[in-house]
PDB file of N, CA and C in Angstrom:
ATOM      1  N   UNK A   1      15.754 -18.171   9.449  1.00  0.00           N
ATOM      2  CA  UNK A   1      15.040 -18.090  10.602  1.00  0.00           C
ATOM      3  C   UNK A   1      14.147 -18.912  10.415  1.00  0.00           C
ATOM      4  N   UNK A   2      13.361 -19.328  11.547  1.00  0.00           N
ATOM      5  CA  UNK A   2      12.222 -20.656  11.166  1.00  0.00           C
ATOM      6  C   UNK A   2      11.279 -19.878  10.874  1.00  0.00           C
ATOM      7  N   UNK A   3       9.949 -20.496  10.516  1.00  0.00           N
ATOM      8  CA  UNK A   3       8.410 -20.360  10.300  1.00  0.00           C
ATOM      9  C   UNK A   3       8.292 -19.513  12.162  1.00  0.00           C
ATOM     10  N   UNK A   4       8.558 -19.918  13.118  1.00  0.00           N
ATOM     11  CA  UNK A   4       7.956 -19.779  14.642  1.00  0.00           C
ATOM     12  C   UNK A   4       8.505 -18.225  14.219  1.00  0.00           C
ATOM     13  N   UNK A   5       9.875 -18.026  14.272  1.00  0.00           N
ATOM     14  CA  UNK A   5      10.835 -16.778  14.430  1.00  0.00           C
ATOM     15  C   UNK A   5      10.026 -15.437  13.691  1.00  0.00           C
ATOM     16  N   UNK A   6       9.376 -15.830  11.844  1.00  0.00           N
ATOM     17  CA  UNK A   6       9.145 -15.229  11.648  1.00  0.00           C
ATOM     18  C   UNK A   6       7.861 -14.879  12.082  1.00  0.00           C
ATOM     19  N   UNK A   7       6.850 -15.438  12.766  1.00  0.00           N
ATOM     20  CA  UNK A   7       5.717 -15.073  12.906  1.00  0.00           C
ATOM     21  C   UNK A   7       6.244 -14.537  14.187  1.00  0.00           C
ATOM     22  N   UNK A   8       6.260 -14.619  14.863  1.00  0.00           N
ATOM     23  CA  UNK A   8       6.678 -13.673  15.947  1.00  0.00           C
ATOM     24  C   UNK A   8       6.807 -12.574  15.695  1.00  0.00           C
ATOM     25  N   UNK A   9       7.972 -12.148  14.459  1.00  0.00           N
ATOM     26  CA  UNK A   9       8.369 -10.768  14.028  1.00  0.00           C
ATOM     27  C   UNK A   9       7.252 -10.260  13.437  1.00  0.00           C
ATOM     28  N   UNK A  10       6.584 -10.794  12.889  1.00  0.00           N
ATOM     29  CA  UNK A  10       5.118 -10.647  12.052  1.00  0.00           C
ATOM     30  C   UNK A  10       4.481  -9.593  12.733  1.00  0.00           C
ATOM     31  N   UNK A  11       3.947 -10.261  14.081  1.00  0.00           N
ATOM     32  CA  UNK A  11       3.345  -9.715  14.856  1.00  0.00           C
ATOM     33  C   UNK A  11       3.727  -8.296  15.615  1.00  0.00           C
ATOM     34  N   UNK A  12       5.168  -8.572  16.245  1.00  0.00           N
ATOM     35  CA  UNK A  12       5.813  -7.197  16.344  1.00  0.00           C
ATOM     36  C   UNK A  12       4.898  -6.104  15.441  1.00  0.00           C
ATOM     37  N   UNK A  13       5.004  -6.414  14.002  1.00  0.00           N
ATOM     38  CA  UNK A  13       5.048  -5.347  13.554  1.00  0.00           C
ATOM     39  C   UNK A  13       3.680  -3.890  14.032  1.00  0.00           C
ATOM     40  N   UNK A  14       2.965  -4.899  14.604  1.00  0.00           N
ATOM     41  CA  UNK A  14       2.061  -4.195  14.714  1.00  0.00           C
ATOM     42  C   UNK A  14       1.885  -3.261  15.794  1.00  0.00           C
ATOM     43  N   UNK A  15       3.198  -3.184  16.233  1.00  0.00           N
ATOM     44  CA  UNK A  15       3.223  -2.871  17.715  1.00  0.00           C
ATOM     45  C   UNK A  15       4.324  -1.576  17.218  1.00  0.00           C
ATOM     46  N   UNK A  16       4.984  -1.575  15.927  1.00  0.00           N
ATOM     47  CA  UNK A  16       5.801  -0.115  15.537  1.00  0.00           C
ATOM     48  C   UNK A  16       6.917  -0.848  15.436  1.00  0.00           C
ATOM     49  N   UNK A  17       7.099  -2.412  15.758  1.00  0.00           N
ATOM     50  CA  UNK A  17       9.379  -2.670  15.928  1.00  0.00           C
ATOM     51  C   UNK A  17       9.186  -3.390  14.020  1.00  0.00           C
ATOM     52  N   UNK A  18      10.116  -2.791  13.465  1.00  0.00           N
ATOM     53  CA  UNK A  18      10.471  -2.632  12.065  1.00  0.00           C
ATOM     54  C   UNK A  18      10.688  -4.606  11.970  1.00  0.00           C
ATOM     55  N   UNK A  19       9.911  -5.129  10.586  1.00  0.00           N
ATOM     56  CA  UNK A  19      10.671  -6.535  10.719  1.00  0.00           C
ATOM     57  C   UNK A  19      11.686  -6.584   9.367  1.00  0.00           C
ATOM     58  N   UNK A  20      12.676  -7.227   9.743  1.00  0.00           N
ATOM     59  CA  UNK A  20      13.613  -7.115   8.617  1.00  0.00           C
ATOM     60  C   UNK A  20      14.063  -8.637   8.257  1.00  0.00           C
ATOM     61  N   UNK A  21      13.677  -8.742   6.567  1.00  0.00           N
ATOM     62  CA  UNK A  21      13.350  -9.904   5.732  1.00  0.00           C
ATOM     63  C   UNK A  21      14.563  -9.973   4.664  1.00  0.00           C
ATOM     64  N   UNK A  22      15.903 -10.347   4.694  1.00  0.00           N
ATOM     65  CA  UNK A  22      16.317 -10.441   3.219  1.00  0.00           C
ATOM     66  C   UNK A  22      16.811  -8.762   2.987  1.00  0.00           C
ATOM     67  N   UNK A  23      16.647  -8.417   2.014  1.00  0.00           N
ATOM     68  CA  UNK A  23      16.978  -7.183   1.576  1.00  0.00           C
ATOM     69  C   UNK A  23      14.881  -6.151   1.620  1.00  0.00           C
ATOM     70  N   UNK A  24      14.395  -6.685   2.323  1.00  0.00           N
ATOM     71  CA  UNK A  24      13.085  -5.935   2.709  1.00  0.00           C
ATOM     72  C   UNK A  24      12.880  -5.549   4.333  1.00  0.00           C
ATOM     73  N   UNK A  25      12.448  -4.655   4.120  1.00  0.00           N
ATOM     74  CA  UNK A  25      12.026  -4.210   5.835  1.00  0.00           C
ATOM     75  C   UNK A  25      10.460  -3.702   5.670  1.00  0.00           C
ATOM     76  N   UNK A  26       9.733  -3.873   6.881  1.00  0.00           N
ATOM     77  CA  UNK A  26       8.226  -3.884   6.990  1.00  0.00           C
ATOM     78  C   UNK A  26       7.881  -3.148   8.538  1.00  0.00           C
ATOM     79  N   UNK A  27       7.110  -2.244   7.947  1.00  0.00           N
ATOM     80  CA  UNK A  27       7.250  -1.744   9.025  1.00  0.00           C
ATOM     81  C   UNK A  27       5.816  -0.716   9.078  1.00  0.00           C
ATOM     82  N   UNK A  28       4.986  -0.408   9.882  1.00  0.00           N
ATOM     83  CA  UNK A  28       4.070   0.526  10.851  1.00  0.00           C
ATOM     84  C   UNK A  28       4.100   2.237  10.510  1.00  0.00           C
ATOM     85  N   UNK A  29       3.105   3.104  10.324  1.00  0.00           N
ATOM     86  CA  UNK A  29       3.284   3.910  10.559  1.00  0.00           C
ATOM     87  C   UNK A  29       2.334   4.767  11.345  1.00  0.00           C
ATOM     88  N   UNK A  30       2.592   6.005  11.398  1.00  0.00           N
ATOM     89  CA  UNK A  30       1.259   6.552  12.369  1.00  0.00           C
ATOM     90  C   UNK A  30      -0.083   6.805  11.619  1.00  0.00           C
ATOM     91  N   UNK A  31       0.346   7.079  10.310  1.00  0.00           N
ATOM     92  CA  UNK A  31      -1.097   7.541   8.937  1.00  0.00           C
ATOM     93  C   UNK A  31      -1.632   6.116   8.702  1.00  0.00           C
ATOM     94  N   UNK A  32      -1.531   5.134   9.843  1.00  0.00           N
ATOM     95  CA  UNK A  32      -2.150   3.880   9.130  1.00  0.00           C
ATOM     96  C   UNK A  32      -1.718   3.555   7.467  1.00  0.00           C
ATOM     97  N   UNK A  33      -0.402   3.196   7.737  1.00  0.00           N
ATOM     98  CA  UNK A  33       0.247   2.598   6.337  1.00  0.00           C
ATOM     99  C   UNK A  33       1.438   1.442   6.901  1.00  0.00           C
ATOM    100  N   UNK A  34       1.690   0.474   5.459  1.00  0.00           N
ATOM    101  CA  UNK A  34       2.240  -0.676   6.013  1.00  0.00           C
ATOM    102  C   UNK A  34       3.536  -0.093   5.143  1.00  0.00           C
ATOM    103  N   UNK A  35       4.340   0.471   6.051  1.00  0.00           N
ATOM    104  CA  UNK A  35       5.873   0.455   4.446  1.00  0.00           C
ATOM    105  C   UNK A  35       6.348  -0.511   4.178  1.00  0.00           C
ATOM    106  N   UNK A  36       6.808  -0.999   2.666  1.00  0.00           N
ATOM    107  CA  UNK A  36       7.116  -2.137   2.541  1.00  0.00           C
ATOM    108  C   UNK A  36       8.615  -1.840   1.459  1.00  0.00           C
ATOM    109  N   UNK A  37       9.537  -1.986   2.407  1.00  0.00           N
ATOM    110  CA  UNK A  37      11.164  -0.765   1.805  1.00  0.00           C
ATOM    111  C   UNK A  37      11.760  -2.402   1.070  1.00  0.00           C
ATOM    112  N   UNK A  38      12.256  -2.140  -0.012  1.00  0.00           N
ATOM    113  CA  UNK A  38      13.162  -2.942  -0.278  1.00  0.00           C
ATOM    114  C   UNK A  38      14.568  -2.219  -0.794  1.00  0.00           C
ATOM    115  N   UNK A  39      15.814  -2.547  -0.337  1.00  0.00           N
ATOM    116  CA  UNK A  39      17.104  -2.019  -0.191  1.00  0.00           C
ATOM    117  C   UNK A  39      17.692  -2.823  -1.852  1.00  0.00           C
ATOM    118  N   UNK A  40      18.094  -1.838  -2.716  1.00  0.00           N
ATOM    119  CA  UNK A  40      18.643  -1.888  -3.842  1.00  0.00           C
ATOM    120  C   UNK A  40      19.934  -2.627  -3.492  1.00  0.00           C
ATOM    121  N   UNK A  41      20.238  -3.837  -4.714  1.00  0.00           N
ATOM    122  CA  UNK A  41      21.561  -4.305  -4.729  1.00  0.00           C
ATOM    123  C   UNK A  41      22.908  -3.540  -5.423  1.00  0.00           C
ATOM    124  N   UNK A  42      22.634  -2.763  -6.136  1.00  0.00           N
ATOM    125  CA  UNK A  42      23.440  -1.555  -6.506  1.00  0.00           C
ATOM    126  C   UNK A  42      24.398  -1.483  -5.364  1.00  0.00           C
ATOM    127  N   UNK A  43      25.764  -1.439  -5.973  1.00  0.00           N
ATOM    128  CA  UNK A  43      26.553  -1.213  -4.979  1.00  0.00           C
ATOM    129  C   UNK A  43      26.762  -0.064  -5.159  1.00  0.00           C
ATOM    130  N   UNK A  44      26.767   0.459  -5.921  1.00  0.00           N
ATOM    131  CA  UNK A  44      27.099   2.435  -6.050  1.00  0.00           C
ATOM    132  C   UNK A  44      26.325   3.450  -6.594  1.00  0.00           C
ATOM    133  N   UNK A  45      25.905   4.137  -5.747  1.00  0.00           N
ATOM    134  CA  UNK A  45      24.898   5.251  -6.243  1.00  0.00           C
ATOM    135  C   UNK A  45      24.699   5.388  -7.452  1.00  0.00           C
ATOM    136  N   UNK A  46      25.565   5.987  -8.100  1.00  0.00           N
ATOM    137  CA  UNK A  46      25.629   6.738  -9.388  1.00  0.00           C
ATOM    138  C   UNK A  46      25.674   5.601 -10.799  1.00  0.00           C
ATOM    139  N   UNK A  47      25.971   4.281 -10.520  1.00  0.00           N
ATOM    140  CA  UNK A  47      25.002   2.880 -11.029  1.00  0.00           C
ATOM    141  C   UNK A  47      23.512   2.426 -11.160  1.00  0.00           C
ATOM    142  N   UNK A  48      23.067   3.762 -10.253  1.00  0.00           N
ATOM    143  CA  UNK A  48      21.311   3.114 -10.218  1.00  0.00           C
ATOM    144  C   UNK A  48      20.902   3.884 -11.648  1.00  0.00           C
ATOM    145  N   UNK A  49      19.912   2.889 -12.073  1.00  0.00           N
ATOM    146  CA  UNK A  49      19.346   3.571 -12.899  1.00  0.00           C
ATOM    147  C   UNK A  49      17.829   3.001 -12.960  1.00  0.00           C
ATOM    148  N   UNK A  50      16.893   3.829 -13.372  1.00  0.00           N
ATOM    149  CA  UNK A  50      15.508   3.416 -12.988  1.00  0.00           C
ATOM    150  C   UNK A  50      15.057   2.008 -13.827  1.00  0.00           C
ATOM    151  N   UNK A  51      15.624   1.646 -14.685  1.00  0.00           N
ATOM    152  CA  UNK A  51      15.304   0.272 -15.086  1.00  0.00           C
ATOM    153  C   UNK A  51      15.165  -0.562 -14.017  1.00  0.00           C
ATOM    154  N   UNK A  52      16.917  -0.470 -13.327  1.00  0.00           N
ATOM    155  CA  UNK A  52      16.870  -1.877 -12.274  1.00  0.00           C
ATOM    156  C   UNK A  52      16.052  -1.727 -11.412  1.00  0.00           C
ATOM    157  N   UNK A  53      15.814  -0.017 -10.456  1.00  0.00           N
ATOM    158  CA  UNK A  53      14.740  -0.001  -9.838  1.00  0.00           C
ATOM    159  C   UNK A  53      13.521  -0.500 -10.089  1.00  0.00           C
ATOM    160  N   UNK A  54      12.775  -0.240 -11.576  1.00  0.00           N
ATOM    161  CA  UNK A  54      11.833  -0.579 -12.269  1.00  0.00           C
ATOM    162  C   UNK A  54      11.850  -2.403 -11.041  1.00  0.00           C
ATOM    163  N   UNK A  55      12.726  -3.400 -11.902  1.00  0.00           N
ATOM    164  CA  UNK A  55      12.594  -4.352 -11.590  1.00  0.00           C
ATOM    165  C   UNK A  55      13.082  -4.711  -9.961  1.00  0.00           C
ATOM    166  N   UNK A  56      13.473  -4.206  -9.539  1.00  0.00           N
ATOM    167  CA  UNK A  56      13.917  -4.845  -8.110  1.00  0.00           C
ATOM    168  C   UNK A  56      12.328  -4.459  -7.571  1.00  0.00           C
ATOM    169  N   UNK A  57      11.628  -3.068  -7.351  1.00  0.00           N
ATOM    170  CA  UNK A  57      10.439  -3.408  -6.874  1.00  0.00           C
ATOM    171  C   UNK A  57       9.191  -3.738  -7.316  1.00  0.00           C
ATOM    172  N   UNK A  58       9.600  -4.776  -8.191  1.00  0.00           N
ATOM    173  CA  UNK A  58       8.618  -6.150  -8.882  1.00  0.00           C
ATOM    174  C   UNK A  58       9.312  -7.088  -8.477  1.00  0.00           C
ATOM    175  N   UNK A  59      10.408  -7.518  -7.885  1.00  0.00           N
ATOM    176  CA  UNK A  59      10.616  -8.280  -7.215  1.00  0.00           C
ATOM    177  C   UNK A  59      10.441  -8.285  -5.550  1.00  0.00           C
ATOM    178  N   UNK A  60      10.197  -7.030  -4.948  1.00  0.00           N
ATOM    179  CA  UNK A  60      10.076  -6.558  -3.425  1.00  0.00           C
ATOM    180  C   UNK A  60       8.673  -7.232  -3.467  1.00  0.00           C
ATOM    181  N   UNK A  61       7.712  -6.878  -4.589  1.00  0.00           N
ATOM    182  CA  UNK A  61       6.253  -6.323  -4.409  1.00  0.00           C
ATOM    183  C   UNK A  61       6.104  -8.084  -4.921  1.00  0.00           C
ATOM    184  N   UNK A  62       6.948  -8.698  -5.493  1.00  0.00           N
ATOM    185  CA  UNK A  62       6.767 -10.353  -5.394  1.00  0.00           C
ATOM    186  C   UNK A  62       7.038 -10.836  -3.821  1.00  0.00           C
ATOM    187  N   UNK A  63       7.784 -10.409  -3.175  1.00  0.00           N
ATOM    188  CA  UNK A  63       8.253 -11.136  -2.299  1.00  0.00           C
ATOM    189  C   UNK A  63       7.412 -10.632  -1.256  1.00  0.00           C
ATOM    190  N   UNK A  64       7.061  -9.827  -1.519  1.00  0.00           N
ATOM    191  CA  UNK A  64       6.219  -9.277   0.078  1.00  0.00           C
ATOM    192  C   UNK A  64       5.069  -9.800  -0.364  1.00  0.00           C
ATOM    193  N   UNK A  65       4.029 -10.765  -1.468  1.00  0.00           N
ATOM    194  CA  UNK A  65       2.804 -11.090  -1.802  1.00  0.00           C
ATOM    195  C   UNK A  65       3.258 -12.456  -1.441  1.00  0.00           C
ATOM    196  N   UNK A  66       4.964 -12.821  -1.467  1.00  0.00           N
ATOM    197  CA  UNK A  66       4.533 -14.344  -1.191  1.00  0.00           C
ATOM    198  C   UNK A  66       4.697 -14.568   0.044  1.00  0.00           C
ATOM    199  N   UNK A  67       5.372 -13.772   1.318  1.00  0.00           N
ATOM    200  CA  UNK A  67       5.352 -13.713   2.192  1.00  0.00           C
ATOM    201  C   UNK A  67       3.610 -13.406   3.086  1.00  0.00           C
ATOM    202  N   UNK A  68       2.872 -12.769   2.251  1.00  0.00           N
ATOM    203  CA  UNK A  68       2.006 -12.339   2.744  1.00  0.00           C
ATOM    204  C   UNK A  68       1.034 -13.400   2.533  1.00  0.00           C
ATOM    205  N   UNK A  69       1.206 -14.288   1.470  1.00  0.00           N
ATOM    206  CA  UNK A  69       0.179 -15.621   1.076  1.00  0.00           C
ATOM    207  C   UNK A  69       1.029 -16.500   2.560  1.00  0.00           C
ATOM    208  N   UNK A  70       2.062 -16.644   2.224  1.00  0.00           N
ATOM    209  CA  UNK A  70       2.566 -17.476   3.728  1.00  0.00           C
ATOM    210  C   UNK A  70       2.676 -17.507   4.885  1.00  0.00           C
ATOM    211  N   UNK A  71       1.987 -16.220   5.503  1.00  0.00           N
ATOM    212  CA  UNK A  71       2.158 -16.134   6.687  1.00  0.00           C
ATOM    213  C   UNK A  71       0.195 -15.232   6.841  1.00  0.00           C
ATOM    214  N   UNK A  72      -0.528 -15.974   7.447  1.00  0.00           N
ATOM    215  CA  UNK A  72      -1.719 -15.225   7.642  1.00  0.00           C
ATOM    216  C   UNK A  72      -2.012 -14.317   8.863  1.00  0.00           C
ATOM    217  N   UNK A  73      -0.899 -14.193   9.728  1.00  0.00           N
ATOM    218  CA  UNK A  73      -0.690 -13.178  10.335  1.00  0.00           C
ATOM    219  C   UNK A  73      -0.401 -11.601  10.016  1.00  0.00           C
ATOM    220  N   UNK A  74       0.552 -11.984   8.748  1.00  0.00           N
ATOM    221  CA  UNK A  74       0.527 -10.549   7.940  1.00  0.00           C
ATOM    222  C   UNK A  74      -0.887  -9.975   7.542  1.00  0.00           C
ATOM    223  N   UNK A  75      -1.571 -10.510   6.987  1.00  0.00           N
ATOM    224  CA  UNK A  75      -2.727 -10.819   6.021  1.00  0.00           C
ATOM    225  C   UNK A  75      -4.146  -9.884   7.335  1.00  0.00           C
ATOM    226  N   UNK A  76      -3.757 -10.398   8.183  1.00  0.00           N
ATOM    227  CA  UNK A  76      -4.507 -10.180   9.163  1.00  0.00           C
ATOM    228  C   UNK A  76      -4.326  -8.656   9.941  1.00  0.00           C
ATOM    229  N   UNK A  77      -2.946  -8.646   9.837  1.00  0.00           N
ATOM    230  CA  UNK A  77      -2.409  -6.811  10.459  1.00  0.00           C
ATOM    231  C   UNK A  77      -2.676  -6.164   9.797  1.00  0.00           C
ATOM    232  N   UNK A  78      -2.866  -6.411   8.589  1.00  0.00           N
ATOM    233  CA  UNK A  78      -3.113  -5.400   7.370  1.00  0.00           C
ATOM    234  C   UNK A  78      -4.673  -5.080   7.552  1.00  0.00           C
ATOM    235  N   UNK A  79      -5.429  -6.371   7.802  1.00  0.00           N
ATOM    236  CA  UNK A  79      -7.043  -6.138   7.336  1.00  0.00           C
ATOM    237  C   UNK A  79      -7.497  -5.567   8.920  1.00  0.00           C
ATOM    238  N   UNK A  80      -6.727  -5.819  10.079  1.00  0.00           N
ATOM    239  CA  UNK A  80      -7.614  -5.440  10.858  1.00  0.00           C
ATOM    240  C   UNK A  80      -7.161  -4.201  11.336  1.00  0.00           C
ATOM    241  N   UNK A  81      -5.820  -3.338  11.096  1.00  0.00           N
ATOM    242  CA  UNK A  81      -5.201  -2.490  11.355  1.00  0.00           C
ATOM    243  C   UNK A  81      -5.781  -1.400  10.337  1.00  0.00           C
ATOM    244  N   UNK A  82      -6.304  -1.957   9.066  1.00  0.00           N
ATOM    245  CA  UNK A  82      -7.327  -1.133   7.674  1.00  0.00           C
ATOM    246  C   UNK A  82      -6.094   0.177   7.423  1.00  0.00           C
ATOM    247  N   UNK A  83      -4.803  -0.986   7.143  1.00  0.00           N
ATOM    248  CA  UNK A  83      -3.091  -0.701   6.636  1.00  0.00           C
ATOM    249  C   UNK A  83      -3.222  -0.532   5.171  1.00  0.00           C
ATOM    250  N   UNK A  84      -2.902   0.442   4.565  1.00  0.00           N
ATOM    251  CA  UNK A  84      -2.674   0.762   2.845  1.00  0.00           C
ATOM    252  C   UNK A  84      -1.076   0.173   3.121  1.00  0.00           C
ATOM    253  N   UNK A  85      -0.829  -0.679   2.071  1.00  0.00           N
ATOM    254  CA  UNK A  85       1.033  -0.983   1.832  1.00  0.00           C
ATOM    255  C   UNK A  85       1.013  -0.234   0.802  1.00  0.00           C
ATOM    256  N   UNK A  86       2.078   0.489   1.009  1.00  0.00           N
ATOM    257  CA  UNK A  86       3.516   1.694   0.000  1.00  0.00           C
ATOM    258  C   UNK A  86       4.624   0.275   0.318  1.00  0.00           C
ATOM    259  N   UNK A  87       5.107   0.636  -1.211  1.00  0.00           N
ATOM    260  CA  UNK A  87       6.087   0.032  -1.633  1.00  0.00           C
ATOM    261  C   UNK A  87       7.278   1.189  -1.727  1.00  0.00           C
ATOM    262  N   UNK A  88       8.286   1.085  -1.253  1.00  0.00           N
ATOM    263  CA  UNK A  88       9.486   1.664  -1.163  1.00  0.00           C
ATOM    264  C   UNK A  88      10.867   1.211  -1.728  1.00  0.00           C
ATOM    265  N   UNK A  89      11.609   2.006  -2.290  1.00  0.00           N
ATOM    266  CA  UNK A  89      13.185   1.361  -3.472  1.00  0.00           C
ATOM    267  C   UNK A  89      13.825   2.238  -2.332  1.00  0.00           C
ATOM    268  N   UNK A  90      14.953   1.818  -1.669  1.00  0.00           N
ATOM    269  CA  UNK A  90      16.124   3.018  -1.029  1.00  0.00           C
ATOM    270  C   UNK A  90      17.234   2.298  -1.129  1.00  0.00           C
ATOM    271  N   UNK A  91      18.486   3.043  -1.376  1.00  0.00           N
ATOM    272  CA  UNK A  91      19.820   2.986  -1.187  1.00  0.00           C
ATOM    273  C   UNK A  91      20.327   2.917   0.245  1.00  0.00           C
ATOM    274  N   UNK A  92      21.184   1.924   0.353  1.00  0.00           N
ATOM    275  CA  UNK A  92      22.319   2.256   2.007  1.00  0.00           C
ATOM    276  C   UNK A  92      23.214   1.929   1.794  1.00  0.00           C
ATOM    277  N   UNK A  93      24.098   3.295   2.070  1.00  0.00           N
ATOM    278  CA  UNK A  93      25.210   3.170   1.658  1.00  0.00           C
ATOM    279  C   UNK A  93      26.004   2.761   2.525  1.00  0.00           C
ATOM    280  N   UNK A  94      26.170   1.461   2.707  1.00  0.00           N
ATOM    281  CA  UNK A  94      26.971   0.450   3.865  1.00  0.00           C
ATOM    282  C   UNK A  94      26.879   0.995   4.934  1.00  0.00           C
ATOM    283  N   UNK A  95      25.593   0.838   5.254  1.00  0.00           N
ATOM    284  CA  UNK A  95      25.115   1.629   6.805  1.00  0.00           C
ATOM    285  C   UNK A  95      25.468   2.815   7.175  1.00  0.00           C
ATOM    286  N   UNK A  96      26.585   3.962   6.394  1.00  0.00           N
ATOM    287  CA  UNK A  96      25.932   5.225   6.689  1.00  0.00           C
ATOM    288  C   UNK A  96      25.356   6.353   6.385  1.00  0.00           C
ATOM    289  N   UNK A  97      24.257   5.908   5.918  1.00  0.00           N
ATOM    290  CA  UNK A  97      23.050   5.982   5.380  1.00  0.00           C
ATOM    291  C   UNK A  97      22.406   5.843   4.466  1.00  0.00           C
ATOM    292  N   UNK A  98      20.533   6.137   4.478  1.00  0.00           N
ATOM    293  CA  UNK A  98      19.795   5.567   3.196  1.00  0.00           C
ATOM    294  C   UNK A  98      19.406   6.824   2.383  1.00  0.00           C
ATOM    295  N   UNK A  99      19.444   6.168   1.641  1.00  0.00           N
ATOM    296  CA  UNK A  99      18.503   7.511   0.212  1.00  0.00           C
ATOM    297  C   UNK A  99      17.311   6.507  -0.423  1.00  0.00           C
ATOM    298  N   UNK A 100      16.109   7.332   0.025  1.00  0.00           N
ATOM    299  CA  UNK A 100      15.022   7.194  -1.019  1.00  0.00           C
ATOM    300  C   UNK A 100      15.745   7.015  -2.274  1.00  0.00           C
ATOM    301  N   UNK A 101      15.206   6.194  -3.234  1.00  0.00           N
ATOM    302  CA  UNK A 101      14.908   5.996  -4.315  1.00  0.00           C
ATOM    303  C   UNK A 101      13.718   6.283  -4.907  1.00  0.00           C
ATOM    304  N   UNK A 102      12.366   5.896  -4.825  1.00  0.00           N
ATOM    305  CA  UNK A 102      11.155   6.120  -5.076  1.00  0.00           C
ATOM    306  C   UNK A 102       9.736   5.358  -4.487  1.00  0.00           C
ATOM    307  N   UNK A 103       9.021   5.313  -4.322  1.00  0.00           N
ATOM    308  CA  UNK A 103       7.968   4.576  -3.900  1.00  0.00           C
ATOM    309  C   UNK A 103       6.966   4.427  -4.892  1.00  0.00           C
ATOM    310  N   UNK A 104       6.085   3.194  -4.843  1.00  0.00           N
ATOM    311  CA  UNK A 104       4.790   3.061  -5.533  1.00  0.00           C
ATOM    312  C   UNK A 104       3.531   2.931  -4.594  1.00  0.00           C
ATOM    313  N   UNK A 105       2.712   3.808  -5.107  1.00  0.00           N
ATOM    314  CA  UNK A 105       1.647   3.634  -3.708  1.00  0.00           C
ATOM    315  C   UNK A 105       0.442   3.762  -5.123  1.00  0.00           C
ATOM    316  N   UNK A 106      -0.737   2.450  -4.815  1.00  0.00           N
ATOM    317  CA  UNK A 106      -1.749   2.649  -5.576  1.00  0.00           C
ATOM    318  C   UNK A 106      -1.108   2.584  -7.532  1.00  0.00           C
ATOM    319  N   UNK A 107       0.029   1.743  -7.296  1.00  0.00           N
ATOM    320  CA  UNK A 107       0.488   1.092  -8.584  1.00  0.00           C
ATOM    321  C   UNK A 107       1.386   2.278  -9.435  1.00  0.00           C
ATOM    322  N   UNK A 108       1.172   3.523  -8.980  1.00  0.00           N
ATOM    323  CA  UNK A 108       1.862   4.670  -9.337  1.00  0.00           C
ATOM    324  C   UNK A 108       3.597   4.682  -8.723  1.00  0.00           C
ATOM    325  N   UNK A 109       4.589   5.199  -9.585  1.00  0.00           N
ATOM    326  CA  UNK A 109       6.023   5.493  -8.967  1.00  0.00           C
ATOM    327  C   UNK A 109       6.170   7.045  -9.052  1.00  0.00           C
ATOM    328  N   UNK A 110       6.595   7.123  -7.716  1.00  0.00           N
ATOM    329  CA  UNK A 110       7.054   8.420  -7.711  1.00  0.00           C
ATOM    330  C   UNK A 110       8.306   8.286  -7.173  1.00  0.00           C
ATOM    331  N   UNK A 111       9.630   9.481  -8.097  1.00  0.00           N
ATOM    332  CA  UNK A 111      10.356   9.213  -8.385  1.00  0.00           C
ATOM    333  C   UNK A 111      10.814  10.058  -7.300  1.00  0.00           C
ATOM    334  N   UNK A 112      11.605  10.050  -6.446  1.00  0.00           N
ATOM    335  CA  UNK A 112      12.603  10.726  -5.511  1.00  0.00           C
ATOM    336  C   UNK A 112      14.341  11.137  -6.068  1.00  0.00           C
ATOM    337  N   UNK A 113      14.644  10.927  -7.073  1.00  0.00           N
ATOM    338  CA  UNK A 113      15.777  11.241  -7.518  1.00  0.00           C
ATOM    339  C   UNK A 113      15.392  11.530  -9.491  1.00  0.00           C
ATOM    340  N   UNK A 114      16.341  11.913 -10.168  1.00  0.00           N
ATOM    341  CA  UNK A 114      16.941  11.997 -11.092  1.00  0.00           C
ATOM    342  C   UNK A 114      17.645  10.955 -11.963  1.00  0.00           C
TER     343      UNK A 114
END
């Protein structure tokens, strides 16, 4: 995906259209939030561990930060719409279902699974 295509898709986030880039999905909610969801690289659900997920959410935050720094449009959407950024990690069972694993809001991890 080239830079112009990414810019166009970023602007559509404000209209409620999710933007997928690699293992990251970015979308807005009706409650003034920007949800940044990362999809775990773990193939089998039973192999998910908190340590791995903590590493993956750290990578997600880094990737989002790089995207935000590279595309002023994303920063503009966040600022002008007064959006609160929330990070989420989820498991994708090959398109059959998505299972939320955890979220990070204001630096606090909330686990959805044991």
